[in-house]
C-alpha atoms as a PDB file:
ATOM      1  CA  MET A   1      31.107 -22.749 307.692  1.00  0.00           C
ATOM      2  CA  ASN A   2      33.558 -19.945 306.910  1.00  0.00           C
ATOM      3  CA  GLN A   3      36.730 -21.355 305.406  1.00  0.00           C
ATOM      4  CA  LYS A   4      40.133 -20.020 304.371  1.00  0.00           C
ATOM      5  CA  ILE A   5      40.662 -20.767 300.679  1.00  0.00           C
ATOM      6  CA  ALA A   6      43.494 -20.083 298.230  1.00  0.00           C
ATOM      7  CA  VAL A   7      42.662 -19.829 294.528  1.00  0.00           C
ATOM      8  CA  LEU A   8      45.718 -20.495 292.376  1.00  0.00           C
ATOM      9  CA  GLY A   9      45.261 -18.751 289.046  1.00  0.00           C
ATOM     10  CA  PRO A  10      43.788 -15.249 288.577  1.00  0.00           C
ATOM     11  CA  GLY A  11      42.410 -15.869 285.092  1.00  0.00           C
ATOM     12  CA  SER A  12      38.758 -15.370 284.245  1.00  0.00           C
ATOM     13  CA  TRP A  13      37.532 -18.657 285.774  1.00  0.00           C
ATOM     14  CA  GLY A  14      39.743 -18.428 288.840  1.00  0.00           C
ATOM     15  CA  THR A  15      38.543 -14.882 289.480  1.00  0.00           C
ATOM     16  CA  ALA A  16      34.891 -15.862 289.029  1.00  0.00           C
ATOM     17  CA  LEU A  17      35.200 -18.805 291.438  1.00  0.00           C
ATOM     18  CA  ALA A  18      37.018 -16.589 293.941  1.00  0.00           C
ATOM     19  CA  GLN A  19      34.088 -14.187 293.762  1.00  0.00           C
ATOM     20  CA  VAL A  20      31.580 -16.968 294.459  1.00  0.00           C
ATOM     21  CA  LEU A  21      33.578 -18.093 297.495  1.00  0.00           C
ATOM     22  CA  ALA A  22      33.968 -14.543 298.826  1.00  0.00           C
ATOM     23  CA  GLU A  23      30.259 -13.831 298.417  1.00  0.00           C
ATOM     24  CA  ASN A  24      29.596 -17.020 300.392  1.00  0.00           C
ATOM     25  CA  GLY A  25      31.502 -15.533 303.321  1.00  0.00           C
ATOM     26  CA  HIS A  26      34.827 -17.353 302.992  1.00  0.00           C
ATOM     27  CA  GLU A  27      38.257 -15.786 303.388  1.00  0.00           C
ATOM     28  CA  VAL A  28      39.657 -15.880 299.860  1.00  0.00           C
ATOM     29  CA  ARG A  29      43.196 -15.400 298.642  1.00  0.00           C
ATOM     30  CA  ILE A  30      44.114 -15.460 294.968  1.00  0.00           C
ATOM     31  CA  TRP A  31      47.634 -16.229 293.719  1.00  0.00           C
ATOM     32  CA  GLY A  32      49.322 -15.404 290.432  1.00  0.00           C
ATOM     33  CA  ASN A  33      52.826 -14.863 289.087  1.00  0.00           C
ATOM     34  CA  LEU A  34      52.330 -11.465 287.424  1.00  0.00           C
ATOM     35  CA  PRO A  35      53.044  -8.675 289.945  1.00  0.00           C
ATOM     36  CA  ALA A  36      51.176  -6.045 287.912  1.00  0.00           C
ATOM     37  CA  GLN A  37      48.018  -8.149 287.886  1.00  0.00           C
ATOM     38  CA  ILE A  38      48.290  -8.834 291.620  1.00  0.00           C
ATOM     39  CA  ALA A  39      48.737  -5.119 292.285  1.00  0.00           C
ATOM     40  CA  GLU A  40      45.687  -4.301 290.160  1.00  0.00           C
ATOM     41  CA  ILE A  41      43.500  -6.745 292.075  1.00  0.00           C
ATOM     42  CA  ASN A  42      44.638  -5.417 295.463  1.00  0.00           C
ATOM     43  CA  THR A  43      44.552  -1.722 294.507  1.00  0.00           C
ATOM     44  CA  TYR A  44      41.597  -1.387 292.168  1.00  0.00           C
ATOM     45  CA  HIS A  45      39.735  -4.682 292.788  1.00  0.00           C
ATOM     46  CA  THR A  46      39.590  -5.332 289.051  1.00  0.00           C
ATOM     47  CA  ASN A  47      41.092  -7.868 286.632  1.00  0.00           C
ATOM     48  CA  ARG A  48      40.533  -6.008 283.387  1.00  0.00           C
ATOM     49  CA  HIS A  49      42.459  -8.301 281.044  1.00  0.00           C
ATOM     50  CA  TYR A  50      40.171 -11.236 281.849  1.00  0.00           C
ATOM     51  CA  LEU A  51      36.937  -9.693 283.133  1.00  0.00           C
ATOM     52  CA  PRO A  52      36.520  -6.091 281.971  1.00  0.00           C
ATOM     53  CA  ASP A  53      33.999  -3.952 283.875  1.00  0.00           C
ATOM     54  CA  VAL A  54      33.804  -6.439 286.774  1.00  0.00           C
ATOM     55  CA  LYS A  55      34.406  -5.254 290.347  1.00  0.00           C
ATOM     56  CA  ILE A  56      36.054  -7.961 292.446  1.00  0.00           C
ATOM     57  CA  PRO A  57      34.944  -8.156 296.099  1.00  0.00           C
ATOM     58  CA  ASP A  58      37.198  -6.024 298.303  1.00  0.00           C
ATOM     59  CA  SER A  59      37.656  -8.956 300.687  1.00  0.00           C
ATOM     60  CA  ILE A  60      39.681 -10.941 298.132  1.00  0.00           C
ATOM     61  CA  VAL A  61      43.419 -10.465 298.676  1.00  0.00           C
ATOM     62  CA  ALA A  62      45.889 -11.264 295.904  1.00  0.00           C
ATOM     63  CA  TYR A  63      49.419 -12.645 296.388  1.00  0.00           C
ATOM     64  CA  ASP A  64      52.413 -13.252 294.149  1.00  0.00           C
ATOM     65  CA  GLU A  65      54.145 -15.400 296.769  1.00  0.00           C
ATOM     66  CA  LEU A  66      52.691 -18.904 296.849  1.00  0.00           C
ATOM     67  CA  ALA A  67      53.716 -19.742 300.423  1.00  0.00           C
ATOM     68  CA  GLU A  68      51.846 -16.687 301.739  1.00  0.00           C
ATOM     69  CA  ALA A  69      48.753 -17.441 299.683  1.00  0.00           C
ATOM     70  CA  ILE A  70      48.384 -21.041 300.878  1.00  0.00           C
ATOM     71  CA  ALA A  71      49.418 -20.583 304.534  1.00  0.00           C
ATOM     72  CA  ASP A  72      46.928 -22.309 306.884  1.00  0.00           C
ATOM     73  CA  CYS A  73      44.285 -22.676 304.167  1.00  0.00           C
ATOM     74  CA  ASP A  74      41.468 -25.201 304.576  1.00  0.00           C
ATOM     75  CA  ALA A  75      41.227 -25.692 300.804  1.00  0.00           C
ATOM     76  CA  VAL A  76      43.326 -24.852 297.769  1.00  0.00           C
ATOM     77  CA  LEU A  77      41.757 -24.471 294.333  1.00  0.00           C
ATOM     78  CA  PHE A  78      43.946 -24.949 291.237  1.00  0.00           C
ATOM     79  CA  VAL A  79      42.596 -22.952 288.271  1.00  0.00           C
ATOM     80  CA  ILE A  80      45.638 -22.737 286.023  1.00  0.00           C
ATOM     81  CA  PRO A  81      46.446 -23.979 282.505  1.00  0.00           C
ATOM     82  CA  THR A  82      47.055 -27.703 282.178  1.00  0.00           C
ATOM     83  CA  LYS A  83      50.658 -27.220 281.074  1.00  0.00           C
ATOM     84  CA  ALA A  84      51.460 -25.435 284.375  1.00  0.00           C
ATOM     85  CA  ILE A  85      49.690 -27.840 286.751  1.00  0.00           C
ATOM     86  CA  ARG A  86      52.643 -30.136 287.461  1.00  0.00           C
ATOM     87  CA  VAL A  87      55.145 -27.323 288.058  1.00  0.00           C
ATOM     88  CA  VAL A  88      52.814 -25.418 290.386  1.00  0.00           C
ATOM     89  CA  ALA A  89      51.852 -28.628 292.215  1.00  0.00           C
ATOM     90  CA  GLN A  90      55.537 -29.340 292.819  1.00  0.00           C
ATOM     91  CA  GLU A  91      56.088 -25.849 294.226  1.00  0.00           C
ATOM     92  CA  PHE A  92      52.944 -26.178 296.321  1.00  0.00           C
ATOM     93  CA  ALA A  93      54.183 -29.483 297.778  1.00  0.00           C
ATOM     94  CA  GLN A  94      57.430 -27.812 298.819  1.00  0.00           C
ATOM     95  CA  LYS A  95      55.767 -24.855 300.510  1.00  0.00           C
ATOM     96  CA  VAL A  96      52.546 -26.167 302.076  1.00  0.00           C
ATOM     97  CA  LYS A  97      52.685 -26.731 305.836  1.00  0.00           C
ATOM     98  CA  ASN A  98      49.302 -28.345 306.478  1.00  0.00           C
ATOM     99  CA  ALA A  99      46.969 -30.714 304.588  1.00  0.00           C
ATOM    100  CA  PRO A 100      44.216 -28.769 302.825  1.00  0.00           C
ATOM    101  CA  VAL A 101      41.476 -30.160 300.613  1.00  0.00           C
ATOM    102  CA  ILE A 102      42.672 -29.955 297.002  1.00  0.00           C
ATOM    103  CA  ILE A 103      40.207 -28.802 294.351  1.00  0.00           C
ATOM    104  CA  HIS A 104      40.862 -28.201 290.677  1.00  0.00           C
ATOM    105  CA  ALA A 105      38.847 -26.530 287.952  1.00  0.00           C
ATOM    106  CA  ALA A 106      41.287 -27.025 285.068  1.00  0.00           C
ATOM    107  CA  LYS A 107      40.254 -28.769 281.845  1.00  0.00           C
ATOM    108  CA  GLY A 108      42.820 -30.688 279.855  1.00  0.00           C
ATOM    109  CA  LEU A 109      45.174 -33.648 279.482  1.00  0.00           C
ATOM    110  CA  GLU A 110      48.896 -33.424 280.100  1.00  0.00           C
ATOM    111  CA  GLN A 111      51.055 -33.539 276.996  1.00  0.00           C
ATOM    112  CA  GLY A 112      53.182 -36.664 276.692  1.00  0.00           C
ATOM    113  CA  SER A 113      51.775 -38.546 279.675  1.00  0.00           C
ATOM    114  CA  HIS A 114      48.091 -37.975 278.690  1.00  0.00           C
ATOM    115  CA  LYS A 115      47.306 -37.845 282.415  1.00  0.00           C
ATOM    116  CA  ARG A 116      44.271 -36.181 283.901  1.00  0.00           C
ATOM    117  CA  ILE A 117      44.721 -33.193 286.237  1.00  0.00           C
ATOM    118  CA  SER A 118      43.784 -35.096 289.397  1.00  0.00           C
ATOM    119  CA  GLU A 119      46.368 -37.768 288.577  1.00  0.00           C
ATOM    120  CA  ILE A 120      49.079 -35.110 288.355  1.00  0.00           C
ATOM    121  CA  LEU A 121      48.034 -33.511 291.644  1.00  0.00           C
ATOM    122  CA  ILE A 122      47.992 -36.868 293.429  1.00  0.00           C
ATOM    123  CA  GLU A 123      51.421 -37.700 292.029  1.00  0.00           C
ATOM    124  CA  GLU A 124      53.036 -34.417 292.991  1.00  0.00           C
ATOM    125  CA  ILE A 125      51.435 -33.616 296.369  1.00  0.00           C
ATOM    126  CA  PRO A 126      52.226 -36.165 299.108  1.00  0.00           C
ATOM    127  CA  GLU A 127      49.284 -37.506 301.101  1.00  0.00           C
ATOM    128  CA  ALA A 128      50.717 -35.883 304.219  1.00  0.00           C
ATOM    129  CA  HIS A 129      50.060 -32.472 302.632  1.00  0.00           C
ATOM    130  CA  ARG A 130      46.618 -32.919 301.149  1.00  0.00           C
ATOM    131  CA  LYS A 131      43.197 -34.362 301.693  1.00  0.00           C
ATOM    132  CA  ALA A 132      41.142 -35.820 298.856  1.00  0.00           C
ATOM    133  CA  VAL A 133      41.305 -34.244 295.404  1.00  0.00           C
ATOM    134  CA  THR A 134      37.998 -32.949 294.037  1.00  0.00           C
ATOM    135  CA  VAL A 135      37.236 -31.880 290.457  1.00  0.00           C
ATOM    136  CA  LEU A 136      34.966 -28.893 289.833  1.00  0.00           C
ATOM    137  CA  SER A 137      33.561 -28.915 286.311  1.00  0.00           C
ATOM    138  CA  GLY A 138      30.469 -28.330 284.208  1.00  0.00           C
ATOM    139  CA  PRO A 139      28.706 -25.882 281.871  1.00  0.00           C
ATOM    140  CA  SER A 140      29.899 -22.465 282.987  1.00  0.00           C
ATOM    141  CA  HIS A 141      31.296 -19.208 281.658  1.00  0.00           C
ATOM    142  CA  ALA A 142      33.162 -16.877 283.998  1.00  0.00           C
ATOM    143  CA  GLU A 143      31.560 -13.915 282.231  1.00  0.00           C
ATOM    144  CA  GLU A 144      28.110 -15.147 283.273  1.00  0.00           C
ATOM    145  CA  VAL A 145      28.961 -16.402 286.771  1.00  0.00           C
ATOM    146  CA  VAL A 146      30.283 -12.981 287.811  1.00  0.00           C
ATOM    147  CA  LYS A 147      26.898 -11.531 286.771  1.00  0.00           C
ATOM    148  CA  HIS A 148      25.104 -14.105 288.957  1.00  0.00           C
ATOM    149  CA  ASP A 149      23.573 -15.970 286.029  1.00  0.00           C
ATOM    150  CA  ILE A 150      22.151 -19.313 287.133  1.00  0.00           C
ATOM    151  CA  THR A 151      24.879 -21.961 286.834  1.00  0.00           C
ATOM    152  CA  THR A 152      24.989 -25.670 287.746  1.00  0.00           C
ATOM    153  CA  ILE A 153      28.196 -27.718 287.793  1.00  0.00           C
ATOM    154  CA  THR A 154      29.632 -30.894 289.331  1.00  0.00           C
ATOM    155  CA  ALA A 155      32.032 -31.613 292.206  1.00  0.00           C
ATOM    156  CA  ALA A 156      33.551 -35.055 291.639  1.00  0.00           C
ATOM    157  CA  SER A 157      35.766 -37.041 293.979  1.00  0.00           C
ATOM    158  CA  THR A 158      36.403 -40.647 294.883  1.00  0.00           C
ATOM    159  CA  ASP A 159      35.785 -39.408 298.443  1.00  0.00           C
ATOM    160  CA  LEU A 160      32.169 -38.278 298.487  1.00  0.00           C
ATOM    161  CA  ALA A 161      32.695 -36.480 301.796  1.00  0.00           C
ATOM    162  CA  ALA A 162      35.226 -34.256 300.020  1.00  0.00           C
ATOM    163  CA  ALA A 163      32.799 -33.669 297.139  1.00  0.00           C
ATOM    164  CA  LYS A 164      30.102 -32.705 299.648  1.00  0.00           C
ATOM    165  CA  TYR A 165      32.541 -30.318 301.354  1.00  0.00           C
ATOM    166  CA  VAL A 166      33.209 -28.590 298.019  1.00  0.00           C
ATOM    167  CA  GLN A 167      29.484 -28.519 297.308  1.00  0.00           C
ATOM    168  CA  ASP A 168      28.912 -26.705 300.591  1.00  0.00           C
ATOM    169  CA  LEU A 169      31.715 -24.217 299.877  1.00  0.00           C
ATOM    170  CA  PHE A 170      30.235 -23.030 296.595  1.00  0.00           C
ATOM    171  CA  MET A 171      26.452 -23.489 296.794  1.00  0.00           C
ATOM    172  CA  ASN A 172      24.276 -20.376 296.767  1.00  0.00           C
ATOM    173  CA  ASP A 173      21.160 -19.048 295.048  1.00  0.00           C
ATOM    174  CA  TYR A 174      22.815 -18.704 291.618  1.00  0.00           C
ATOM    175  CA  PHE A 175      25.600 -21.305 291.757  1.00  0.00           C
ATOM    176  CA  ARG A 176      24.426 -24.881 292.272  1.00  0.00           C
ATOM    177  CA  ILE A 177      26.735 -27.883 292.723  1.00  0.00           C
ATOM    178  CA  TYR A 178      25.938 -31.578 292.269  1.00  0.00           C
ATOM    179  CA  THR A 179      28.240 -34.318 293.581  1.00  0.00           C
ATOM    180  CA  ASN A 180      29.606 -37.249 291.595  1.00  0.00           C
ATOM    181  CA  ASP A 181      32.142 -40.014 292.263  1.00  0.00           C
ATOM    182  CA  ASP A 182      33.179 -40.535 288.614  1.00  0.00           C
ATOM    183  CA  VAL A 183      36.367 -38.463 288.519  1.00  0.00           C
ATOM    184  CA  ILE A 184      37.544 -40.069 285.259  1.00  0.00           C
ATOM    185  CA  GLY A 185      34.303 -39.244 283.460  1.00  0.00           C
ATOM    186  CA  VAL A 186      34.071 -35.691 284.747  1.00  0.00           C
ATOM    187  CA  GLU A 187      37.681 -34.865 283.874  1.00  0.00           C
ATOM    188  CA  THR A 188      37.487 -36.575 280.477  1.00  0.00           C
ATOM    189  CA  GLY A 189      34.312 -34.742 279.524  1.00  0.00           C
ATOM    190  CA  ALA A 190      35.817 -31.446 280.657  1.00  0.00           C
ATOM    191  CA  ALA A 191      38.946 -31.912 278.576  1.00  0.00           C
ATOM    192  CA  LEU A 192      37.546 -33.409 275.379  1.00  0.00           C
ATOM    193  CA  LYS A 193      34.630 -31.032 274.902  1.00  0.00           C
ATOM    194  CA  ASN A 194      37.178 -28.326 274.060  1.00  0.00           C
ATOM    195  CA  ILE A 195      38.208 -30.322 270.984  1.00  0.00           C
ATOM    196  CA  ILE A 196      34.629 -30.514 269.749  1.00  0.00           C
ATOM    197  CA  ALA A 197      34.184 -26.788 270.463  1.00  0.00           C
ATOM    198  CA  LEU A 198      37.083 -26.055 268.114  1.00  0.00           C
ATOM    199  CA  GLY A 199      35.253 -28.037 265.457  1.00  0.00           C
ATOM    200  CA  ALA A 200      31.928 -26.341 266.160  1.00  0.00           C
ATOM    201  CA  GLY A 201      33.569 -22.941 265.842  1.00  0.00           C
ATOM    202  CA  ALA A 202      35.215 -23.961 262.583  1.00  0.00           C
ATOM    203  CA  ILE A 203      31.875 -25.171 261.208  1.00  0.00           C
ATOM    204  CA  ALA A 204      30.364 -21.766 262.004  1.00  0.00           C
ATOM    205  CA  GLY A 205      33.371 -19.988 260.514  1.00  0.00           C
ATOM    206  CA  LEU A 206      32.876 -21.939 257.291  1.00  0.00           C
ATOM    207  CA  GLY A 207      29.309 -20.626 257.128  1.00  0.00           C
ATOM    208  CA  PHE A 208      27.376 -23.756 258.067  1.00  0.00           C
ATOM    209  CA  GLY A 209      24.286 -23.511 260.256  1.00  0.00           C
ATOM    210  CA  ASP A 210      22.360 -25.293 262.979  1.00  0.00           C
ATOM    211  CA  ASP A 211      22.187 -28.682 261.242  1.00  0.00           C
ATOM    212  CA  ALA A 212      25.963 -28.925 261.120  1.00  0.00           C
ATOM    213  CA  LYS A 213      26.245 -27.637 264.696  1.00  0.00           C
ATOM    214  CA  ALA A 214      23.902 -30.355 265.951  1.00  0.00           C
ATOM    215  CA  ALA A 215      25.775 -32.999 263.985  1.00  0.00           C
ATOM    216  CA  ILE A 216      29.227 -32.194 265.327  1.00  0.00           C
ATOM    217  CA  MET A 217      27.992 -31.874 268.911  1.00  0.00           C
ATOM    218  CA  THR A 218      26.087 -35.164 268.820  1.00  0.00           C
ATOM    219  CA  ARG A 219      28.789 -37.184 267.107  1.00  0.00           C
ATOM    220  CA  GLY A 220      31.376 -35.410 269.215  1.00  0.00           C
ATOM    221  CA  LEU A 221      29.625 -36.582 272.369  1.00  0.00           C
ATOM    222  CA  ALA A 222      29.792 -40.145 271.017  1.00  0.00           C
ATOM    223  CA  GLU A 223      33.568 -39.789 270.605  1.00  0.00           C
ATOM    224  CA  ILE A 224      34.015 -38.319 274.082  1.00  0.00           C
ATOM    225  CA  SER A 225      31.997 -41.167 275.555  1.00  0.00           C
ATOM    226  CA  ARG A 226      33.918 -43.869 273.696  1.00  0.00           C
ATOM    227  CA  LEU A 227      37.298 -42.622 274.837  1.00  0.00           C
ATOM    228  CA  GLY A 228      36.064 -41.895 278.363  1.00  0.00           C
ATOM    229  CA  VAL A 229      34.626 -45.380 278.822  1.00  0.00           C
ATOM    230  CA  ALA A 230      37.849 -46.905 277.467  1.00  0.00           C
ATOM    231  CA  MET A 231      39.642 -44.938 280.199  1.00  0.00           C
ATOM    232  CA  GLY A 232      37.313 -46.326 282.865  1.00  0.00           C
ATOM    233  CA  ALA A 233      34.528 -43.734 283.084  1.00  0.00           C
ATOM    234  CA  ASN A 234      30.845 -44.357 283.784  1.00  0.00           C
ATOM    235  CA  PRO A 235      28.993 -43.776 280.462  1.00  0.00           C
ATOM    236  CA  LEU A 236      26.124 -42.069 282.318  1.00  0.00           C
ATOM    237  CA  THR A 237      28.455 -39.231 283.290  1.00  0.00           C
ATOM    238  CA  PHE A 238      28.549 -38.074 279.676  1.00  0.00           C
ATOM    239  CA  ILE A 239      24.823 -37.315 279.605  1.00  0.00           C
ATOM    240  CA  GLY A 240      25.239 -35.146 282.714  1.00  0.00           C
ATOM    241  CA  LEU A 241      26.513 -31.651 283.463  1.00  0.00           C
ATOM    242  CA  SER A 242      30.193 -32.350 282.829  1.00  0.00           C
ATOM    243  CA  GLY A 243      29.386 -34.211 279.620  1.00  0.00           C
ATOM    244  CA  VAL A 244      26.608 -32.993 277.357  1.00  0.00           C
ATOM    245  CA  GLY A 245      26.027 -29.922 279.553  1.00  0.00           C
ATOM    246  CA  ASP A 246      29.571 -28.622 279.220  1.00  0.00           C
ATOM    247  CA  LEU A 247      29.635 -29.621 275.554  1.00  0.00           C
ATOM    248  CA  ILE A 248      26.547 -27.523 274.782  1.00  0.00           C
ATOM    249  CA  VAL A 249      27.778 -24.378 276.494  1.00  0.00           C
ATOM    250  CA  THR A 250      31.269 -24.623 274.998  1.00  0.00           C
ATOM    251  CA  CYS A 251      30.084 -25.327 271.442  1.00  0.00           C
ATOM    252  CA  THR A 252      27.405 -22.649 271.244  1.00  0.00           C
ATOM    253  CA  SER A 253      28.741 -19.526 272.929  1.00  0.00           C
ATOM    254  CA  VAL A 254      31.000 -16.671 271.874  1.00  0.00           C
ATOM    255  CA  HIS A 255      32.282 -16.700 275.472  1.00  0.00           C
ATOM    256  CA  SER A 256      34.076 -19.970 274.651  1.00  0.00           C
ATOM    257  CA  ARG A 257      37.680 -19.270 273.647  1.00  0.00           C
ATOM    258  CA  ASN A 258      37.846 -22.721 271.987  1.00  0.00           C
ATOM    259  CA  TRP A 259      34.791 -21.910 269.870  1.00  0.00           C
ATOM    260  CA  ARG A 260      36.230 -18.506 268.983  1.00  0.00           C
ATOM    261  CA  ALA A 261      39.563 -20.047 268.010  1.00  0.00           C
ATOM    262  CA  GLY A 262      37.822 -22.622 265.815  1.00  0.00           C
ATOM    263  CA  ASN A 263      35.676 -19.913 264.268  1.00  0.00           C
ATOM    264  CA  LEU A 264      38.766 -17.973 263.221  1.00  0.00           C
ATOM    265  CA  LEU A 265      40.301 -21.131 261.769  1.00  0.00           C
ATOM    266  CA  GLY A 266      37.116 -21.715 259.778  1.00  0.00           C
ATOM    267  CA  LYS A 267      37.382 -18.182 258.417  1.00  0.00           C
ATOM    268  CA  GLY A 268      40.841 -18.924 257.079  1.00  0.00           C
ATOM    269  CA  HIS A 269      43.162 -17.622 259.782  1.00  0.00           C
ATOM    270  CA  LYS A 270      46.341 -19.552 260.561  1.00  0.00           C
ATOM    271  CA  LEU A 271      46.679 -21.330 263.907  1.00  0.00           C
ATOM    272  CA  ASP A 272      49.693 -19.290 265.067  1.00  0.00           C
ATOM    273  CA  GLU A 273      47.836 -16.070 264.298  1.00  0.00           C
ATOM    274  CA  VAL A 274      44.729 -17.276 266.132  1.00  0.00           C
ATOM    275  CA  LEU A 275      46.611 -18.259 269.276  1.00  0.00           C
ATOM    276  CA  GLU A 276      48.594 -15.021 269.300  1.00  0.00           C
ATOM    277  CA  ASN A 277      45.460 -12.901 269.069  1.00  0.00           C
ATOM    278  CA  MET A 278      43.377 -14.827 271.627  1.00  0.00           C
ATOM    279  CA  GLY A 279      45.325 -13.514 274.625  1.00  0.00           C
ATOM    280  CA  MET A 280      44.309 -16.562 276.681  1.00  0.00           C
ATOM    281  CA  ILE A 281      45.127 -20.277 276.679  1.00  0.00           C
ATOM    282  CA  VAL A 282      43.099 -22.325 274.180  1.00  0.00           C
ATOM    283  CA  GLU A 283      43.177 -25.703 275.921  1.00  0.00           C
ATOM    284  CA  GLY A 284      41.522 -27.548 273.044  1.00  0.00           C
ATOM    285  CA  VAL A 285      44.585 -27.208 270.824  1.00  0.00           C
ATOM    286  CA  SER A 286      46.952 -29.146 273.088  1.00  0.00           C
ATOM    287  CA  THR A 287      44.176 -31.482 274.231  1.00  0.00           C
ATOM    288  CA  THR A 288      43.537 -32.513 270.615  1.00  0.00           C
ATOM    289  CA  LYS A 289      47.096 -33.831 270.367  1.00  0.00           C
ATOM    290  CA  ALA A 290      46.938 -35.682 273.692  1.00  0.00           C
ATOM    291  CA  ALA A 291      43.508 -37.155 272.930  1.00  0.00           C
ATOM    292  CA  MET A 292      44.551 -38.323 269.461  1.00  0.00           C
ATOM    293  CA  GLU A 293      47.610 -40.079 270.860  1.00  0.00           C
ATOM    294  CA  LEU A 294      45.538 -41.623 273.654  1.00  0.00           C
ATOM    295  CA  ALA A 295      42.820 -42.784 271.225  1.00  0.00           C
ATOM    296  CA  ARG A 296      45.407 -44.532 269.075  1.00  0.00           C
ATOM    297  CA  GLN A 297      46.946 -46.122 272.163  1.00  0.00           C
ATOM    298  CA  LEU A 298      43.546 -47.413 273.319  1.00  0.00           C
ATOM    299  CA  ASN A 299      42.357 -48.271 269.774  1.00  0.00           C
ATOM    300  CA  VAL A 300      39.358 -45.928 269.993  1.00  0.00           C
ATOM    301  CA  GLU A 301      38.034 -44.450 266.752  1.00  0.00           C
ATOM    302  CA  MET A 302      37.552 -40.648 266.955  1.00  0.00           C
ATOM    303  CA  PRO A 303      37.023 -39.288 263.418  1.00  0.00           C
ATOM    304  CA  ILE A 304      36.114 -35.729 264.449  1.00  0.00           C
ATOM    305  CA  THR A 305      39.107 -35.461 266.753  1.00  0.00           C
ATOM    306  CA  GLU A 306      41.310 -36.940 264.014  1.00  0.00           C
ATOM    307  CA  THR A 307      39.995 -34.378 261.535  1.00  0.00           C
ATOM    308  CA  ILE A 308      40.666 -31.481 263.899  1.00  0.00           C
ATOM    309  CA  TYR A 309      44.124 -32.905 264.609  1.00  0.00           C
ATOM    310  CA  GLY A 310      44.803 -32.896 260.877  1.00  0.00           C
ATOM    311  CA  VAL A 311      43.901 -29.211 260.634  1.00  0.00           C
ATOM    312  CA  LEU A 312      45.887 -28.178 263.711  1.00  0.00           C
ATOM    313  CA  TYR A 313      49.002 -30.323 263.329  1.00  0.00           C
ATOM    314  CA  GLU A 314      49.195 -31.572 259.748  1.00  0.00           C
ATOM    315  CA  GLY A 315      48.274 -28.469 257.795  1.00  0.00           C
ATOM    316  CA  GLN A 316      45.031 -29.795 256.326  1.00  0.00           C
ATOM    317  CA  ASP A 317      42.703 -27.218 254.799  1.00  0.00           C
ATOM    318  CA  VAL A 318      39.617 -26.656 256.946  1.00  0.00           C
ATOM    319  CA  LYS A 319      37.185 -26.798 254.020  1.00  0.00           C
ATOM    320  CA  ASP A 320      38.697 -29.996 252.668  1.00  0.00           C
ATOM    321  CA  ALA A 321      38.686 -31.555 256.137  1.00  0.00           C
ATOM    322  CA  ALA A 322      34.953 -30.812 256.576  1.00  0.00           C
ATOM    323  CA  LYS A 323      34.205 -32.347 253.179  1.00  0.00           C
ATOM    324  CA  ASN A 324      36.342 -35.432 253.784  1.00  0.00           C
ATOM    325  CA  ILE A 325      34.715 -36.333 257.088  1.00  0.00           C
ATOM    326  CA  MET A 326      31.298 -36.218 255.392  1.00  0.00           C
ATOM    327  CA  LEU A 327      32.566 -38.653 252.743  1.00  0.00           C
ATOM    328  CA  ARG A 328      33.738 -41.288 255.200  1.00  0.00           C
ATOM    329  CA  ASP A 329      32.377 -44.813 254.757  1.00  0.00           C
ATOM    330  CA  ALA A 330      28.728 -45.182 255.762  1.00  0.00           C
ATOM    331  CA  ARG A 331      28.131 -46.375 259.314  1.00  0.00           C
ATOM    332  CA  GLU A 332      25.345 -47.403 261.658  1.00  0.00           C
ATOM    333  CA  GLU A 333      24.728 -44.732 264.295  1.00  0.00           C
ATOM    334  CA  ASN A 334      25.133 -47.158 267.196  1.00  0.00           C
ATOM    335  CA  GLU A 335      27.920 -49.178 265.617  1.00  0.00           C
ATOM    336  CA  PHE A 336      30.469 -48.322 268.286  1.00  0.00           C
ATOM    337  CA  SER A 337      29.565 -49.810 271.640  1.00  0.00           C
ATOM    338  CA  LEU A 338      30.324 -47.962 274.860  1.00  0.00           C
ATOM    339  CA  GLU A 339      31.040 -51.223 276.590  1.00  0.00           C
END
């Protein structure tokens, strides 16, 4: 089943997914808005800013004109920052001529509206110009996928035939896909784990060890689950790949830009300085704001998220914030029901 696929977003994850698709025999186009980067991919078959020392398959062709990239494609994969999803979806809707399957591998919540990525895509792309929207998410680092490390993630859609189609596109001997119909849970887990990764990085930056790491990941998963279920997710999703799986990989690896950003905050660096030096989008920062607003709207208690929000947006000292959350009133572990 050789398909024609456009990957929108030549960052590290978009490039890695494009490589998987090309190695599976599909015709792959990758689109971006930086002409120098597009020229580098087409001329040298590299993307050094995001994946140094990686040779991109020669069959991948890069475009800086969206209409050319998406022309006659069977599927279009959005792998761009959350803040750009709506604008690019609007441009896509104006330029697409057929009705491809829409896939996204972005992880975040829209500022202001608090909407999930699939909701934005469904809003902005008319049904006449798309098939079902499928979410691709789970524990994965682009730096490891391009080296063919064993990776397992989830394809989630309300249309299981679409999820199965995406599964077939990507499956090979190092990249395994499971299907799921809980789009809300998969997208919520994908977005909120970045908040907890900021906290896990900060804990490490402050000099704390494995005990603290386990604590923030475990209690962080409880927060993710509470908010996700309040949004309509299946609680079982959060003990799967896009829940605890993605949380583990994002909270424990130096490949995680959210962990690295948190680590620098824990070491005393200012947020503006951290973001300037990262060179890539740190989705957890904006997601913290959206999640905090959403939690208050839905009356869901999220003390870790609230603490991280205080550090990012209210100028709280990281050390004081870590101490204060430990001094909260005593609780029962299972006090907050998921139902």
